[in-house]
Amino acid sequence: MKRNLLCFGFLMVLVIASGGRALAQSARTTPSFYIVLNSLTKTCSVVDKTPKTDTPNITVASDAIYKTRAEAETAMTTLPSCKQ
């Protein structure tokens, strides 16, 4: 019983020392943009969410992660898979 209280107290000290961030997920602070290719329509688009890889018709056209939408749209014009 004494050992459990000691462990619990140590855990509480760690949580308080970390400011409560140890139990929360870290938030994404910078926006990220991705270029995806729809294989049915053969068109590329810029999305602001991480593309899901389990969708059969949507593939990631570029492995790069862009900081701005304009940067992603400029890069989309240079990709060979998006020029069709």
PDB file of N, CA and C in Angstrom:
ATOM      1  N   MET A   1       0.818  -1.179   0.000  1.00  0.00           N
ATOM      2  CA  MET A   1       0.000   0.000   0.000  1.00  0.00           C
ATOM      3  C   MET A   1       0.870   1.253   0.000  1.00  0.00           C
ATOM      4  N   LYS A   2       1.899   1.231   0.811  1.00  0.00           N
ATOM      5  CA  LYS A   2       2.791   2.370   0.892  1.00  0.00           C
ATOM      6  C   LYS A   2       3.541   2.570  -0.426  1.00  0.00           C
ATOM      7  N   ARG A   3       3.883   1.460  -1.056  1.00  0.00           N
ATOM      8  CA  ARG A   3       4.606   1.512  -2.324  1.00  0.00           C
ATOM      9  C   ARG A   3       3.720   2.106  -3.417  1.00  0.00           C
ATOM     10  N   ASN A   4       2.432   1.739  -3.447  1.00  0.00           N
ATOM     11  CA  ASN A   4       1.509   2.277  -4.446  1.00  0.00           C
ATOM     12  C   ASN A   4       1.346   3.783  -4.291  1.00  0.00           C
ATOM     13  N   LEU A   5       1.237   4.238  -3.063  1.00  0.00           N
ATOM     14  CA  LEU A   5       1.112   5.669  -2.824  1.00  0.00           C
ATOM     15  C   LEU A   5       2.372   6.413  -3.236  1.00  0.00           C
ATOM     16  N   LEU A   6       3.523   5.816  -3.020  1.00  0.00           N
ATOM     17  CA  LEU A   6       4.776   6.426  -3.415  1.00  0.00           C
ATOM     18  C   LEU A   6       4.871   6.535  -4.933  1.00  0.00           C
ATOM     19  N   CYS A   7       4.487   5.483  -5.636  1.00  0.00           N
ATOM     20  CA  CYS A   7       4.509   5.502  -7.104  1.00  0.00           C
ATOM     21  C   CYS A   7       3.517   6.522  -7.646  1.00  0.00           C
ATOM     22  N   PHE A   8       2.331   6.573  -7.059  1.00  0.00           N
ATOM     23  CA  PHE A   8       1.325   7.537  -7.488  1.00  0.00           C
ATOM     24  C   PHE A   8       1.811   8.965  -7.260  1.00  0.00           C
ATOM     25  N   GLY A   9       2.434   9.215  -6.129  1.00  0.00           N
ATOM     26  CA  GLY A   9       2.978  10.534  -5.835  1.00  0.00           C
ATOM     27  C   GLY A   9       4.074  10.924  -6.814  1.00  0.00           C
ATOM     28  N   PHE A  10       4.937   9.984  -7.148  1.00  0.00           N
ATOM     29  CA  PHE A  10       6.000  10.252  -8.115  1.00  0.00           C
ATOM     30  C   PHE A  10       5.415  10.553  -9.489  1.00  0.00           C
ATOM     31  N   LEU A  11       4.382   9.824  -9.870  1.00  0.00           N
ATOM     32  CA  LEU A  11       3.720  10.064 -11.153  1.00  0.00           C
ATOM     33  C   LEU A  11       3.089  11.455 -11.186  1.00  0.00           C
ATOM     34  N   MET A  12       2.461  11.854 -10.108  1.00  0.00           N
ATOM     35  CA  MET A  12       1.844  13.176 -10.042  1.00  0.00           C
ATOM     36  C   MET A  12       2.894  14.279 -10.131  1.00  0.00           C
ATOM     37  N   VAL A  13       4.044  14.084  -9.531  1.00  0.00           N
ATOM     38  CA  VAL A  13       5.122  15.063  -9.615  1.00  0.00           C
ATOM     39  C   VAL A  13       5.591  15.197 -11.063  1.00  0.00           C
ATOM     40  N   LEU A  14       5.705  14.099 -11.763  1.00  0.00           N
ATOM     41  CA  LEU A  14       6.117  14.150 -13.164  1.00  0.00           C
ATOM     42  C   LEU A  14       5.099  14.882 -14.025  1.00  0.00           C
ATOM     43  N   VAL A  15       3.823  14.618 -13.808  1.00  0.00           N
ATOM     44  CA  VAL A  15       2.772  15.277 -14.588  1.00  0.00           C
ATOM     45  C   VAL A  15       2.751  16.773 -14.309  1.00  0.00           C
ATOM     46  N   ILE A  16       2.884  17.149 -13.069  1.00  0.00           N
ATOM     47  CA  ILE A  16       2.883  18.568 -12.708  1.00  0.00           C
ATOM     48  C   ILE A  16       4.123  19.262 -13.261  1.00  0.00           C
ATOM     49  N   ALA A  17       5.271  18.592 -13.214  1.00  0.00           N
ATOM     50  CA  ALA A  17       6.508  19.183 -13.723  1.00  0.00           C
ATOM     51  C   ALA A  17       6.465  19.382 -15.233  1.00  0.00           C
ATOM     52  N   SER A  18       5.747  18.516 -15.930  1.00  0.00           N
ATOM     53  CA  SER A  18       5.668  18.662 -17.378  1.00  0.00           C
ATOM     54  C   SER A  18       4.571  19.628 -17.790  1.00  0.00           C
ATOM     55  N   GLY A  19       3.850  20.162 -16.860  1.00  0.00           N
ATOM     56  CA  GLY A  19       2.801  21.119 -17.166  1.00  0.00           C
ATOM     57  C   GLY A  19       1.552  20.464 -17.723  1.00  0.00           C
ATOM     58  N   GLY A  20       1.393  19.182 -17.538  1.00  0.00           N
ATOM     59  CA  GLY A  20       0.230  18.475 -18.051  1.00  0.00           C
ATOM     60  C   GLY A  20       0.358  18.073 -19.510  1.00  0.00           C
ATOM     61  N   ARG A  21       1.469  18.410 -20.140  1.00  0.00           N
ATOM     62  CA  ARG A  21       1.653  18.088 -21.562  1.00  0.00           C
ATOM     63  C   ARG A  21       1.932  16.614 -21.787  1.00  0.00           C
ATOM     64  N   ALA A  22       2.277  15.892 -20.771  1.00  0.00           N
ATOM     65  CA  ALA A  22       2.624  14.483 -20.932  1.00  0.00           C
ATOM     66  C   ALA A  22       1.412  13.649 -21.315  1.00  0.00           C
ATOM     67  N   LEU A  23       0.237  14.080 -20.929  1.00  0.00           N
ATOM     68  CA  LEU A  23      -0.962  13.310 -21.214  1.00  0.00           C
ATOM     69  C   LEU A  23      -1.716  13.821 -22.434  1.00  0.00           C
ATOM     70  N   ALA A  24      -1.369  14.982 -22.948  1.00  0.00           N
ATOM     71  CA  ALA A  24      -2.068  15.561 -24.090  1.00  0.00           C
ATOM     72  C   ALA A  24      -1.276  15.316 -25.369  1.00  0.00           C
ATOM     73  N   GLN A  25      -2.001  15.248 -26.479  1.00  0.00           N
ATOM     74  CA  GLN A  25      -1.337  15.111 -27.766  1.00  0.00           C
ATOM     75  C   GLN A  25      -0.815  16.467 -28.193  1.00  0.00           C
ATOM     76  N   SER A  26       0.306  16.449 -28.875  1.00  0.00           N
ATOM     77  CA  SER A  26       0.860  17.713 -29.345  1.00  0.00           C
ATOM     78  C   SER A  26       0.079  18.182 -30.567  1.00  0.00           C
ATOM     79  N   ALA A  27      -0.212  19.446 -30.620  1.00  0.00           N
ATOM     80  CA  ALA A  27      -0.966  20.014 -31.733  1.00  0.00           C
ATOM     81  C   ALA A  27      -0.015  20.393 -32.861  1.00  0.00           C
ATOM     82  N   ARG A  28      -0.474  20.222 -34.080  1.00  0.00           N
ATOM     83  CA  ARG A  28       0.323  20.604 -35.235  1.00  0.00           C
ATOM     84  C   ARG A  28       0.225  22.113 -35.378  1.00  0.00           C
ATOM     85  N   THR A  29       1.339  22.805 -35.274  1.00  0.00           N
ATOM     86  CA  THR A  29       1.318  24.255 -35.279  1.00  0.00           C
ATOM     87  C   THR A  29       1.479  24.835 -36.671  1.00  0.00           C
ATOM     88  N   THR A  30       2.209  24.185 -37.547  1.00  0.00           N
ATOM     89  CA  THR A  30       2.410  24.714 -38.886  1.00  0.00           C
ATOM     90  C   THR A  30       1.520  23.965 -39.870  1.00  0.00           C
ATOM     91  N   PRO A  31       0.918  24.683 -40.809  1.00  0.00           N
ATOM     92  CA  PRO A  31       0.076  24.002 -41.799  1.00  0.00           C
ATOM     93  C   PRO A  31       0.930  23.182 -42.760  1.00  0.00           C
ATOM     94  N   SER A  32       0.361  22.101 -43.235  1.00  0.00           N
ATOM     95  CA  SER A  32       1.049  21.226 -44.181  1.00  0.00           C
ATOM     96  C   SER A  32       0.138  20.979 -45.374  1.00  0.00           C
ATOM     97  N   PHE A  33       0.712  21.000 -46.561  1.00  0.00           N
ATOM     98  CA  PHE A  33      -0.051  20.770 -47.776  1.00  0.00           C
ATOM     99  C   PHE A  33       0.583  19.633 -48.563  1.00  0.00           C
ATOM    100  N   TYR A  34      -0.246  18.818 -49.177  1.00  0.00           N
ATOM    101  CA  TYR A  34       0.190  17.634 -49.903  1.00  0.00           C
ATOM    102  C   TYR A  34      -0.407  17.660 -51.300  1.00  0.00           C
ATOM    103  N   ILE A  35       0.268  17.021 -52.255  1.00  0.00           N
ATOM    104  CA  ILE A  35      -0.248  16.882 -53.611  1.00  0.00           C
ATOM    105  C   ILE A  35      -0.705  15.440 -53.777  1.00  0.00           C
ATOM    106  N   VAL A  36      -1.974  15.259 -54.156  1.00  0.00           N
ATOM    107  CA  VAL A  36      -2.519  13.919 -54.351  1.00  0.00           C
ATOM    108  C   VAL A  36      -3.023  13.782 -55.783  1.00  0.00           C
ATOM    109  N   LEU A  37      -2.988  12.557 -56.274  1.00  0.00           N
ATOM    110  CA  LEU A  37      -3.423  12.236 -57.633  1.00  0.00           C
ATOM    111  C   LEU A  37      -4.627  11.321 -57.556  1.00  0.00           C
ATOM    112  N   ASN A  38      -5.703  11.713 -58.223  1.00  0.00           N
ATOM    113  CA  ASN A  38      -6.882  10.871 -58.342  1.00  0.00           C
ATOM    114  C   ASN A  38      -6.686  10.021 -59.592  1.00  0.00           C
ATOM    115  N   SER A  39      -6.544   8.718 -59.435  1.00  0.00           N
ATOM    116  CA  SER A  39      -6.225   7.853 -60.566  1.00  0.00           C
ATOM    117  C   SER A  39      -7.415   7.635 -61.493  1.00  0.00           C
ATOM    118  N   LEU A  40      -8.627   7.888 -61.039  1.00  0.00           N
ATOM    119  CA  LEU A  40      -9.798   7.747 -61.912  1.00  0.00           C
ATOM    120  C   LEU A  40      -9.929   8.920 -62.879  1.00  0.00           C
ATOM    121  N   THR A  41      -9.755  10.124 -62.366  1.00  0.00           N
ATOM    122  CA  THR A  41      -9.902  11.314 -63.206  1.00  0.00           C
ATOM    123  C   THR A  41      -8.570  11.813 -63.753  1.00  0.00           C
ATOM    124  N   LYS A  42      -7.473  11.250 -63.281  1.00  0.00           N
ATOM    125  CA  LYS A  42      -6.116  11.636 -63.698  1.00  0.00           C
ATOM    126  C   LYS A  42      -5.837  13.112 -63.426  1.00  0.00           C
ATOM    127  N   THR A  43      -6.354  13.616 -62.315  1.00  0.00           N
ATOM    128  CA  THR A  43      -6.115  15.004 -61.945  1.00  0.00           C
ATOM    129  C   THR A  43      -5.424  15.069 -60.590  1.00  0.00           C
ATOM    130  N   CYS A  44      -4.619  16.094 -60.422  1.00  0.00           N
ATOM    131  CA  CYS A  44      -3.935  16.329 -59.155  1.00  0.00           C
ATOM    132  C   CYS A  44      -4.628  17.456 -58.413  1.00  0.00           C
ATOM    133  N   SER A  45      -4.516  17.423 -57.105  1.00  0.00           N
ATOM    134  CA  SER A  45      -5.067  18.499 -56.285  1.00  0.00           C
ATOM    135  C   SER A  45      -4.206  18.658 -55.039  1.00  0.00           C
ATOM    136  N   VAL A  46      -4.323  19.827 -54.436  1.00  0.00           N
ATOM    137  CA  VAL A  46      -3.598  20.142 -53.207  1.00  0.00           C
ATOM    138  C   VAL A  46      -4.570  19.992 -52.045  1.00  0.00           C
ATOM    139  N   VAL A  47      -4.158  19.237 -51.030  1.00  0.00           N
ATOM    140  CA  VAL A  47      -4.993  19.037 -49.844  1.00  0.00           C
ATOM    141  C   VAL A  47      -4.214  19.469 -48.612  1.00  0.00           C
ATOM    142  N   ASP A  48      -4.959  19.851 -47.571  1.00  0.00           N
ATOM    143  CA  ASP A  48      -4.303  20.308 -46.352  1.00  0.00           C
ATOM    144  C   ASP A  48      -4.333  19.275 -45.237  1.00  0.00           C
ATOM    145  N   LYS A  49      -4.856  18.094 -45.523  1.00  0.00           N
ATOM    146  CA  LYS A  49      -4.854  17.009 -44.546  1.00  0.00           C
ATOM    147  C   LYS A  49      -3.979  15.878 -45.068  1.00  0.00           C
ATOM    148  N   THR A  50      -3.449  15.089 -44.155  1.00  0.00           N
ATOM    149  CA  THR A  50      -2.606  13.968 -44.549  1.00  0.00           C
ATOM    150  C   THR A  50      -3.422  12.993 -45.381  1.00  0.00           C
ATOM    151  N   PRO A  51      -2.954  12.660 -46.598  1.00  0.00           N
ATOM    152  CA  PRO A  51      -3.713  11.739 -47.444  1.00  0.00           C
ATOM    153  C   PRO A  51      -3.763  10.339 -46.850  1.00  0.00           C
ATOM    154  N   LYS A  52      -4.922   9.718 -46.947  1.00  0.00           N
ATOM    155  CA  LYS A  52      -5.065   8.349 -46.463  1.00  0.00           C
ATOM    156  C   LYS A  52      -4.536   7.403 -47.532  1.00  0.00           C
ATOM    157  N   THR A  53      -3.795   6.424 -47.107  1.00  0.00           N
ATOM    158  CA  THR A  53      -3.202   5.484 -48.057  1.00  0.00           C
ATOM    159  C   THR A  53      -4.097   4.286 -48.324  1.00  0.00           C
ATOM    160  N   ASP A  54      -5.212   4.173 -47.603  1.00  0.00           N
ATOM    161  CA  ASP A  54      -6.085   3.023 -47.814  1.00  0.00           C
ATOM    162  C   ASP A  54      -7.143   3.277 -48.879  1.00  0.00           C
ATOM    163  N   THR A  55      -7.179   4.475 -49.468  1.00  0.00           N
ATOM    164  CA  THR A  55      -8.118   4.775 -50.535  1.00  0.00           C
ATOM    165  C   THR A  55      -7.520   4.307 -51.859  1.00  0.00           C
ATOM    166  N   PRO A  56      -8.204   3.449 -52.613  1.00  0.00           N
ATOM    167  CA  PRO A  56      -7.590   2.895 -53.821  1.00  0.00           C
ATOM    168  C   PRO A  56      -7.432   3.897 -54.963  1.00  0.00           C
ATOM    169  N   ASN A  57      -8.257   4.917 -55.036  1.00  0.00           N
ATOM    170  CA  ASN A  57      -8.203   5.846 -56.164  1.00  0.00           C
ATOM    171  C   ASN A  57      -7.300   7.051 -55.918  1.00  0.00           C
ATOM    172  N   ILE A  58      -6.944   7.298 -54.682  1.00  0.00           N
ATOM    173  CA  ILE A  58      -6.139   8.468 -54.334  1.00  0.00           C
ATOM    174  C   ILE A  58      -4.729   8.011 -53.974  1.00  0.00           C
ATOM    175  N   THR A  59      -3.751   8.584 -54.645  1.00  0.00           N
ATOM    176  CA  THR A  59      -2.351   8.291 -54.335  1.00  0.00           C
ATOM    177  C   THR A  59      -1.609   9.597 -54.103  1.00  0.00           C
ATOM    178  N   VAL A  60      -0.553   9.535 -53.349  1.00  0.00           N
ATOM    179  CA  VAL A  60       0.269  10.711 -53.105  1.00  0.00           C
ATOM    180  C   VAL A  60       1.152  10.925 -54.324  1.00  0.00           C
ATOM    181  N   ALA A  61       1.038  12.101 -54.941  1.00  0.00           N
ATOM    182  CA  ALA A  61       1.801  12.377 -56.159  1.00  0.00           C
ATOM    183  C   ALA A  61       3.231  12.781 -55.848  1.00  0.00           C
ATOM    184  N   SER A  62       3.465  13.337 -54.675  1.00  0.00           N
ATOM    185  CA  SER A  62       4.798  13.779 -54.283  1.00  0.00           C
ATOM    186  C   SER A  62       5.008  13.458 -52.808  1.00  0.00           C
ATOM    187  N   ASP A  63       6.220  13.064 -52.459  1.00  0.00           N
ATOM    188  CA  ASP A  63       6.534  12.753 -51.059  1.00  0.00           C
ATOM    189  C   ASP A  63       6.810  14.001 -50.236  1.00  0.00           C
ATOM    190  N   ALA A  64       6.872  15.141 -50.886  1.00  0.00           N
ATOM    191  CA  ALA A  64       7.209  16.380 -50.184  1.00  0.00           C
ATOM    192  C   ALA A  64       6.009  16.916 -49.409  1.00  0.00           C
ATOM    193  N   ILE A  65       6.309  17.623 -48.336  1.00  0.00           N
ATOM    194  CA  ILE A  65       5.296  18.325 -47.546  1.00  0.00           C
ATOM    195  C   ILE A  65       5.583  19.811 -47.705  1.00  0.00           C
ATOM    196  N   TYR A  66       4.585  20.559 -48.158  1.00  0.00           N
ATOM    197  CA  TYR A  66       4.766  21.973 -48.457  1.00  0.00           C
ATOM    198  C   TYR A  66       4.190  22.833 -47.338  1.00  0.00           C
ATOM    199  N   LYS A  67       4.806  23.987 -47.115  1.00  0.00           N
ATOM    200  CA  LYS A  67       4.387  24.867 -46.028  1.00  0.00           C
ATOM    201  C   LYS A  67       3.230  25.770 -46.430  1.00  0.00           C
ATOM    202  N   THR A  68       3.135  26.115 -47.713  1.00  0.00           N
ATOM    203  CA  THR A  68       2.054  26.983 -48.168  1.00  0.00           C
ATOM    204  C   THR A  68       1.325  26.324 -49.331  1.00  0.00           C
ATOM    205  N   ARG A  69       0.081  26.724 -49.535  1.00  0.00           N
ATOM    206  CA  ARG A  69      -0.704  26.187 -50.649  1.00  0.00           C
ATOM    207  C   ARG A  69      -0.110  26.641 -51.977  1.00  0.00           C
ATOM    208  N   ALA A  70       0.375  27.880 -52.044  1.00  0.00           N
ATOM    209  CA  ALA A  70       0.968  28.398 -53.277  1.00  0.00           C
ATOM    210  C   ALA A  70       2.212  27.597 -53.670  1.00  0.00           C
ATOM    211  N   GLU A  71       3.010  27.248 -52.693  1.00  0.00           N
ATOM    212  CA  GLU A  71       4.210  26.441 -52.956  1.00  0.00           C
ATOM    213  C   GLU A  71       3.826  25.068 -53.494  1.00  0.00           C
ATOM    214  N   ALA A  72       2.780  24.473 -52.942  1.00  0.00           N
ATOM    215  CA  ALA A  72       2.327  23.162 -53.411  1.00  0.00           C
ATOM    216  C   ALA A  72       1.748  23.251 -54.814  1.00  0.00           C
ATOM    217  N   GLU A  73       1.005  24.319 -55.119  1.00  0.00           N
ATOM    218  CA  GLU A  73       0.432  24.466 -56.455  1.00  0.00           C
ATOM    219  C   GLU A  73       1.507  24.700 -57.503  1.00  0.00           C
ATOM    220  N   THR A  74       2.551  25.415 -57.145  1.00  0.00           N
ATOM    221  CA  THR A  74       3.675  25.617 -58.062  1.00  0.00           C
ATOM    222  C   THR A  74       4.395  24.302 -58.320  1.00  0.00           C
ATOM    223  N   ALA A  75       4.599  23.526 -57.288  1.00  0.00           N
ATOM    224  CA  ALA A  75       5.272  22.231 -57.443  1.00  0.00           C
ATOM    225  C   ALA A  75       4.402  21.255 -58.223  1.00  0.00           C
ATOM    226  N   MET A  76       3.090  21.392 -58.127  1.00  0.00           N
ATOM    227  CA  MET A  76       2.181  20.495 -58.834  1.00  0.00           C
ATOM    228  C   MET A  76       2.330  20.643 -60.352  1.00  0.00           C
ATOM    229  N   THR A  77       2.653  21.844 -60.809  1.00  0.00           N
ATOM    230  CA  THR A  77       2.801  22.061 -62.252  1.00  0.00           C
ATOM    231  C   THR A  77       4.071  21.420 -62.796  1.00  0.00           C
ATOM    232  N   THR A  78       5.030  21.103 -61.932  1.00  0.00           N
ATOM    233  CA  THR A  78       6.287  20.522 -62.390  1.00  0.00           C
ATOM    234  C   THR A  78       6.316  19.002 -62.306  1.00  0.00           C
ATOM    235  N   LEU A  79       5.314  18.400 -61.646  1.00  0.00           N
ATOM    236  CA  LEU A  79       5.304  16.944 -61.509  1.00  0.00           C
ATOM    237  C   LEU A  79       4.856  16.272 -62.802  1.00  0.00           C
ATOM    238  N   PRO A  80       5.584  15.259 -63.257  1.00  0.00           N
ATOM    239  CA  PRO A  80       5.201  14.584 -64.505  1.00  0.00           C
ATOM    240  C   PRO A  80       3.835  13.869 -64.413  1.00  0.00           C
ATOM    241  N   SER A  81       3.497  13.344 -63.268  1.00  0.00           N
ATOM    242  CA  SER A  81       2.228  12.635 -63.128  1.00  0.00           C
ATOM    243  C   SER A  81       1.029  13.583 -63.146  1.00  0.00           C
ATOM    244  N   CYS A  82       1.268  14.865 -62.917  1.00  0.00           N
ATOM    245  CA  CYS A  82       0.172  15.845 -62.885  1.00  0.00           C
ATOM    246  C   CYS A  82       0.030  16.611 -64.198  1.00  0.00           C
ATOM    247  N   LYS A  83       0.867  16.344 -65.166  1.00  0.00           N
ATOM    248  CA  LYS A  83       0.818  17.087 -66.437  1.00  0.00           C
ATOM    249  C   LYS A  83      -0.092  16.457 -67.475  1.00  0.00           C
ATOM    250  N   GLN A  84      -0.755  15.392 -67.140  1.00  0.00           N
ATOM    251  CA  GLN A  84      -1.591  14.698 -68.122  1.00  0.00           C
ATOM    252  C   GLN A  84      -2.849  15.438 -68.428  1.00  0.00           C
TER     253      GLN A  84
END
